[in-house]
Amino acid sequence: MERFLLAAIFGVLSLLIWSTLPNWQYLLIISSIIAVLSCWLKCLRVVVFCTLAMTWSVWSAEQYLQRLLPHKLENKAFKVQVKIEGLSEYQSFGQRVSVKPIKIVSNIDYPIDANTHWQLSAPSYLILKPQQIWQMTVTLKRPHGTASAGAFDYQAWLLSENISAIGKVGRAQLIEEPKHWSFDLWRWQIRQQFQQLFAEQANAGVVLALLTGDRALVADQAWDLYTTTGISHLMAISGPHVLLAASAVTWLMMQLLMRFYPRIFLTIPKSQLTWPLLLMVAVAYGFLAGLSLPTLRTLMMLAGLTFLMGNRQEWPALKIWLLALTMVLLWQPLTVHSVSLWLSFVAVGLLFFWSGMQQKQEHKITQFIKLQLWITLALTPLTLALFAQVSWIAPLTNLLAIPWVGFVIVPLALLGLVFGFMSQSLQELTWWLALQAVNGLNSYLSWWAAISFAKQSYVLSLLSIGFFMFMVMLWLLPRQISPRYLSLFFFLPLFYRWPSLQQGEAQLSVLDVGQGLSVLIQTQKHQLLYDTGANTSAGERIINPYLHYMGVKKLDALMISHNDKDHTGGADAVFRQFIPQQLWYSAKPQGYQPPSKTIHHECYAGQLWHWDGVRFEVLSPVVGVNYDKDNNRSCVLRVSATGFSVLLTGDMEAPAEQILLKQQKNLQSDILLLGHHGSKTSSSEAFVQAVQPKLAIVSAGYLNHFGHPAPMVVQRLQKRQIDIDNTVTQGTLRYHLHKQGFILQEAWRNRGHYWLNNP
């Protein structure tokens, strides 16, 4: 049976490799042919399971793509009636909520599929309850996220959540309150209780998250602390939480049955009654927790165990694990793109593997310590692949955090929920005790988080991850199967990088940071970062991971073109991981705080230096010129060598372009990074003619409200037959600039994923 389950799993996993989806009807025909042949060739039956699962998953993905918002309706406001799904999440701009559209009110052509779901940003003053029906004026876009090495794939996450459009709410009118009781409505009421009882307590949201899976009130500082110390996995309602709650309630129910209805055990054996009760309680708690993927995994396994116990059968743990994973993937194939799914199932699978390896009897504390070290190392490759960071102190912090959360905080939170049916005062006291337990845990974790090497970022290539995973596997296998010294040979490639740049060559990376700008220029031994995107998120989640991915150990220079937020927003986040030796700017720093050790330079025309045979020259601002606005005072940088030249202009507009044309006789550059994201106020006819680029690059956000790049600028470039690359459609762009004069281009969005390549 295991091979058939594995075949079905691999069939669904095929979604991860398609650059464009195949025709599911052809796959169905192929499956039918193989099924017929399997009547004579039994070895083909496994292939049938694989192809049928592949067909089902491809069909599900095609249905999702067909539900995407039509292009013609993007950024068009219209009225619609929606039903609120789940709980809203609080954001800095208001709140974010998932809705199910019911009826289009405006006169537009948009047939809504029954399985359509949207994610909307709404004002914070709207009281959005689960199951409410609202009439809203919405402005929507198709799912679109930044695409860059090491960055979080927001578009894949929306796909896994079955979100077919994102947008914002304008006017909103409540049409109907919830008619029926639901678990989500109960969760919302519990959230309201916590907000009223512990409004001034920063860690109350942690207790709420452990109780109902509602993480809306967890502070960012708490998430940073748990990520740094490697215990963020405990903040999700997972298998241990569900089993703990279900076991406690089931034990109480069994005691009541033995006390008041003992005769029931004369007809039903105790073991056959315990498992169904345990499953019922676990399902109820699962719904209270929002039925997350870790919870769903636990319920699937419990359901399998209940069935087997009812039929008096025994299955190995691996078979139950495979069955649960297969059921989840076939029920919702798009969850194959979910990070939490793989963390959840891989962790449980490793626990099963660990339990199978244990032969000699050891003290439980010794086993627990060894398990923490073993599971941390085993999950490190997956953690690096998914999050590009690892907490080296996680084994030590988890030694206390796991039992403290599992046997103190969670039981107190659940006990408070039960006490709420008897005494509000008793409920408040119990939840207060749980809150104090969280405060104590955070104090303990803060001590560990103060260690400088607690959390490290490593963005590895797919090949390096493969080497690392194989090394870890060889190291963790029993010594009788594989000598551990063999794993060291697979560890060596992680430390060695083939030199990619020669003297006189450079590499240009225009990062996909949305509506903003960030450019990395690398020579053989030096690195310069030009601008830092629009916000802290861009610095933490896009720029820093990309620098690690490119093997940057230090920044020789950071140049801030000017003080607009979309160019300086991620600077402080970059400084937390990279302290540049030199900082260049056109105006005194505003909105960011440079490190004290960094040498400051103010940009002015005529500054010149050479790195590894590559010339760096500042062309603007010109000393003595009174620029009318900050945009025109942008640091303009020209990077050139034998065979190539690049011109970076920040947000420079036409007036500054005219000044530059008068001051500089030679502006010719092979590559032009369009000023002001391709705005109509920049890239004037005379300037483009003087630069004569072969390639123009646009760094802008998807359907940005500025309209960048401006159609007139695009037409101006097309008229001169100048190629245009755009981070919106191509993601992060990387160019290898050779001495021989040719350019090798790589676009991250074109790397072969169907959800990114979908037009």
Foldseek 3Di string as FASTA:
>chain_A
DLLLLVLLVVLLLVQFFFLAQDDLVVLVVVLVVLVVVCVVVVVSVSVSSNSVSNSLNSVLLVVLLVQADDPVQAQPKFKFKWFWAFDWAQDPQAIKTKIQTDGGPDPDDDDHDRLAMAIEHEHNVDDHAGGWIKIWTKHKDADADFFAFQFAPRLLVCLLVSHRIYTYTDDMDTDGDHPDDFLRRVLVVVVVVLCVLPVPQQCLLQLSCLQQVDNRSHDPVNVVLCVLQVNVVNSHPAQLLLQLQLVVVLVVVVVVCCVPPVCVCVPPPPQLVSLVSSLVSSVVSCRSNVVDLRSQLNSQLSVVVSVCVNVVHDDQPVVSLSVSLSVVCSVRSSNSSPLVNCVNSVLVVVVSVVVVPDDDDDDPLVVLLVVLVLSLLLCVLVCCANNQKHFPNNSVLCSPVVCLCSPPLSVLSVVLVVCVVPDPVVSSVSSVRSSVSVVVSSVVSVVLSPDPPRMDGAREDPVLSVLSNVLSVLCSDPCVVHPNVVSVVSVVVVPDDDQDAAQQWKKKKWFQQAAATWIWIDHRPAIEIEFQAQAQCSQQRTVVSNCNHVVNPEHQEYEQFFADRGRHHNVQSNCVRYQHQEYEYQDPDDPHDHDPNHHYDYAEFPDWDDDRQKIKGWQDDHPPDDDPDRLQRTTWIWIDHQQFIEIEREQRFDVSLVVSVVVDVAQAGQEYAWHNQQDPRHPDLVSCVRNVYQEYEGHHHDVDPRCGNPPVSVVSCVVSPRHYYYCSLQRMKMWIGDNNNDIDIHGSLSPRNNSSNPD
